[in-house]
Amino acid sequence: MGQSIRFDAGTRGCDTLAAEFRRRISGIAVGDRLVVTVRDPAAKQDLGPLARLMGHGVAGAQAYPDGRVCITVERRR
Protein backbone atom coordinates (compact mmCIF):
# COMPACT_ATOMS: atom_id res chain seq x y z
CA MET A 1 0.00 0.00 0.00
CA GLY A 2 1.19 3.48 -0.87
CA GLN A 3 0.94 6.65 1.11
CA SER A 4 -2.23 8.50 2.11
CA ILE A 5 -2.71 12.07 0.94
CA ARG A 6 -5.33 14.20 2.67
CA PHE A 7 -7.63 16.63 0.92
CA ASP A 8 -9.98 18.80 2.99
CA ALA A 9 -12.69 19.83 0.54
CA GLY A 10 -14.51 21.94 3.11
CA THR A 11 -18.08 22.77 2.14
CA ARG A 12 -17.67 22.31 -1.62
CA GLY A 13 -20.72 20.97 -3.37
CA CYS A 14 -20.51 17.99 -5.64
CA ASP A 15 -20.22 20.10 -8.80
CA THR A 16 -16.94 21.79 -7.76
CA LEU A 17 -15.80 18.81 -5.70
CA ALA A 18 -15.85 16.49 -8.73
CA ALA A 19 -13.47 18.65 -10.76
CA GLU A 20 -11.07 19.12 -7.85
CA PHE A 21 -11.21 15.39 -7.02
CA ARG A 22 -10.24 14.53 -10.60
CA ARG A 23 -7.32 16.95 -10.45
CA ARG A 24 -6.07 15.66 -7.11
CA ILE A 25 -6.45 11.94 -7.81
CA SER A 26 -4.53 12.34 -11.07
CA GLY A 27 -1.73 14.05 -9.13
CA ILE A 28 -0.94 11.09 -6.87
CA ALA A 29 0.87 7.86 -7.66
CA VAL A 30 -0.92 4.62 -8.54
CA GLY A 31 -1.39 2.72 -5.27
CA ASP A 32 -1.59 5.86 -3.13
CA ARG A 33 -4.79 6.81 -1.35
CA LEU A 34 -6.59 10.13 -1.39
CA VAL A 35 -8.51 10.76 1.84
CA VAL A 36 -11.18 13.35 1.08
CA THR A 37 -12.90 15.14 3.96
CA VAL A 38 -15.99 17.09 2.97
CA ARG A 39 -18.94 18.62 4.76
CA ASP A 40 -21.49 18.11 1.97
CA PRO A 41 -23.59 15.07 2.99
CA ALA A 42 -24.33 14.23 -0.66
CA ALA A 43 -20.62 13.61 -1.27
CA LYS A 44 -20.86 10.15 0.28
CA GLN A 45 -23.30 9.10 -2.45
CA ASP A 46 -21.59 11.00 -5.29
CA LEU A 47 -17.85 10.68 -4.81
CA GLY A 48 -17.69 6.88 -4.51
CA PRO A 49 -19.45 6.22 -7.82
CA LEU A 50 -17.34 8.90 -9.53
CA ALA A 51 -14.15 7.26 -8.27
CA ARG A 52 -15.30 3.83 -9.47
CA LEU A 53 -16.32 5.26 -12.85
CA MET A 54 -12.77 6.61 -13.18
CA GLY A 55 -11.35 3.15 -12.41
CA HIS A 56 -10.28 3.74 -8.81
CA GLY A 57 -11.20 1.82 -5.68
CA VAL A 58 -13.14 3.14 -2.72
CA ALA A 59 -11.40 1.82 0.39
CA GLY A 60 -13.93 3.30 2.81
CA ALA A 61 -16.39 6.03 3.67
CA GLN A 62 -17.18 7.30 7.14
CA ALA A 63 -19.81 9.85 8.19
CA TYR A 64 -19.31 11.74 11.45
CA PRO A 65 -21.93 13.33 13.74
CA ASP A 66 -20.57 16.82 13.05
CA GLY A 67 -21.51 16.48 9.37
CA ARG A 68 -18.09 15.59 7.96
CA VAL A 69 -17.70 12.69 5.58
CA CYS A 70 -14.29 11.06 4.96
CA ILE A 71 -13.93 9.02 1.79
CA THR A 72 -10.75 7.08 1.06
CA VAL A 73 -10.02 6.38 -2.60
CA GLU A 74 -7.12 4.29 -3.88
CA ARG A 75 -5.70 5.35 -7.24
CA ARG A 76 -5.65 2.29 -9.47
CA ARG A 77 -4.66 3.67 -12.84
C-alpha atoms as a PDB file:
ATOM      1  CA  MET A   1       0.000   0.000   0.000  1.00  0.00           C
ATOM      2  CA  GLY A   2       1.190   3.483  -0.867  1.00  0.00           C
ATOM      3  CA  GLN A   3       0.938   6.652   1.107  1.00  0.00           C
ATOM      4  CA  SER A   4      -2.232   8.504   2.109  1.00  0.00           C
ATOM      5  CA  ILE A   5      -2.707  12.070   0.940  1.00  0.00           C
ATOM      6  CA  ARG A   6      -5.327  14.197   2.674  1.00  0.00           C
ATOM      7  CA  PHE A   7      -7.630  16.634   0.916  1.00  0.00           C
ATOM      8  CA  ASP A   8      -9.977  18.797   2.989  1.00  0.00           C
ATOM      9  CA  ALA A   9     -12.688  19.831   0.535  1.00  0.00           C
ATOM     10  CA  GLY A  10     -14.508  21.942   3.114  1.00  0.00           C
ATOM     11  CA  THR A  11     -18.081  22.765   2.137  1.00  0.00           C
ATOM     12  CA  ARG A  12     -17.671  22.307  -1.617  1.00  0.00           C
ATOM     13  CA  GLY A  13     -20.718  20.974  -3.372  1.00  0.00           C
ATOM     14  CA  CYS A  14     -20.511  17.989  -5.639  1.00  0.00           C
ATOM     15  CA  ASP A  15     -20.219  20.103  -8.801  1.00  0.00           C
ATOM     16  CA  THR A  16     -16.943  21.792  -7.761  1.00  0.00           C
ATOM     17  CA  LEU A  17     -15.800  18.809  -5.704  1.00  0.00           C
ATOM     18  CA  ALA A  18     -15.848  16.493  -8.733  1.00  0.00           C
ATOM     19  CA  ALA A  19     -13.466  18.652 -10.760  1.00  0.00           C
ATOM     20  CA  GLU A  20     -11.070  19.116  -7.849  1.00  0.00           C
ATOM     21  CA  PHE A  21     -11.213  15.393  -7.017  1.00  0.00           C
ATOM     22  CA  ARG A  22     -10.245  14.535 -10.600  1.00  0.00           C
ATOM     23  CA  ARG A  23      -7.321  16.946 -10.454  1.00  0.00           C
ATOM     24  CA  ARG A  24      -6.072  15.662  -7.111  1.00  0.00           C
ATOM     25  CA  ILE A  25      -6.451  11.936  -7.814  1.00  0.00           C
ATOM     26  CA  SER A  26      -4.526  12.342 -11.070  1.00  0.00           C
ATOM     27  CA  GLY A  27      -1.734  14.051  -9.131  1.00  0.00           C
ATOM     28  CA  ILE A  28      -0.942  11.092  -6.874  1.00  0.00           C
ATOM     29  CA  ALA A  29       0.867   7.855  -7.660  1.00  0.00           C
ATOM     30  CA  VAL A  30      -0.918   4.620  -8.536  1.00  0.00           C
ATOM     31  CA  GLY A  31      -1.390   2.715  -5.271  1.00  0.00           C
ATOM     32  CA  ASP A  32      -1.590   5.859  -3.133  1.00  0.00           C
ATOM     33  CA  ARG A  33      -4.791   6.811  -1.349  1.00  0.00           C
ATOM     34  CA  LEU A  34      -6.590  10.133  -1.391  1.00  0.00           C
ATOM     35  CA  VAL A  35      -8.507  10.759   1.839  1.00  0.00           C
ATOM     36  CA  VAL A  36     -11.182  13.346   1.077  1.00  0.00           C
ATOM     37  CA  THR A  37     -12.904  15.137   3.962  1.00  0.00           C
ATOM     38  CA  VAL A  38     -15.988  17.090   2.967  1.00  0.00           C
ATOM     39  CA  ARG A  39     -18.938  18.620   4.763  1.00  0.00           C
ATOM     40  CA  ASP A  40     -21.493  18.113   1.972  1.00  0.00           C
ATOM     41  CA  PRO A  41     -23.585  15.069   2.995  1.00  0.00           C
ATOM     42  CA  ALA A  42     -24.333  14.228  -0.660  1.00  0.00           C
ATOM     43  CA  ALA A  43     -20.625  13.614  -1.266  1.00  0.00           C
ATOM     44  CA  LYS A  44     -20.861  10.146   0.279  1.00  0.00           C
ATOM     45  CA  GLN A  45     -23.297   9.101  -2.454  1.00  0.00           C
ATOM     46  CA  ASP A  46     -21.594  11.003  -5.292  1.00  0.00           C
ATOM     47  CA  LEU A  47     -17.848  10.683  -4.807  1.00  0.00           C
ATOM     48  CA  GLY A  48     -17.690   6.882  -4.505  1.00  0.00           C
ATOM     49  CA  PRO A  49     -19.452   6.218  -7.821  1.00  0.00           C
ATOM     50  CA  LEU A  50     -17.343   8.898  -9.526  1.00  0.00           C
ATOM     51  CA  ALA A  51     -14.152   7.256  -8.274  1.00  0.00           C
ATOM     52  CA  ARG A  52     -15.298   3.828  -9.471  1.00  0.00           C
ATOM     53  CA  LEU A  53     -16.316   5.264 -12.845  1.00  0.00           C
ATOM     54  CA  MET A  54     -12.770   6.614 -13.176  1.00  0.00           C
ATOM     55  CA  GLY A  55     -11.348   3.148 -12.410  1.00  0.00           C
ATOM     56  CA  HIS A  56     -10.284   3.742  -8.806  1.00  0.00           C
ATOM     57  CA  GLY A  57     -11.201   1.818  -5.677  1.00  0.00           C
ATOM     58  CA  VAL A  58     -13.137   3.135  -2.718  1.00  0.00           C
ATOM     59  CA  ALA A  59     -11.404   1.819   0.389  1.00  0.00           C
ATOM     60  CA  GLY A  60     -13.929   3.300   2.815  1.00  0.00           C
ATOM     61  CA  ALA A  61     -16.389   6.026   3.674  1.00  0.00           C
ATOM     62  CA  GLN A  62     -17.183   7.304   7.143  1.00  0.00           C
ATOM     63  CA  ALA A  63     -19.813   9.849   8.188  1.00  0.00           C
ATOM     64  CA  TYR A  64     -19.310  11.739  11.453  1.00  0.00           C
ATOM     65  CA  PRO A  65     -21.929  13.328  13.743  1.00  0.00           C
ATOM     66  CA  ASP A  66     -20.569  16.823  13.047  1.00  0.00           C
ATOM     67  CA  GLY A  67     -21.511  16.477   9.365  1.00  0.00           C
ATOM     68  CA  ARG A  68     -18.090  15.586   7.960  1.00  0.00           C
ATOM     69  CA  VAL A  69     -17.698  12.687   5.579  1.00  0.00           C
ATOM     70  CA  CYS A  70     -14.292  11.057   4.963  1.00  0.00           C
ATOM     71  CA  ILE A  71     -13.933   9.024   1.789  1.00  0.00           C
ATOM     72  CA  THR A  72     -10.748   7.078   1.056  1.00  0.00           C
ATOM     73  CA  VAL A  73     -10.023   6.381  -2.597  1.00  0.00           C
ATOM     74  CA  GLU A  74      -7.122   4.294  -3.884  1.00  0.00           C
ATOM     75  CA  ARG A  75      -5.702   5.346  -7.239  1.00  0.00           C
ATOM     76  CA  ARG A  76      -5.648   2.286  -9.466  1.00  0.00           C
ATOM     77  CA  ARG A  77      -4.655   3.673 -12.841  1.00  0.00           C
END
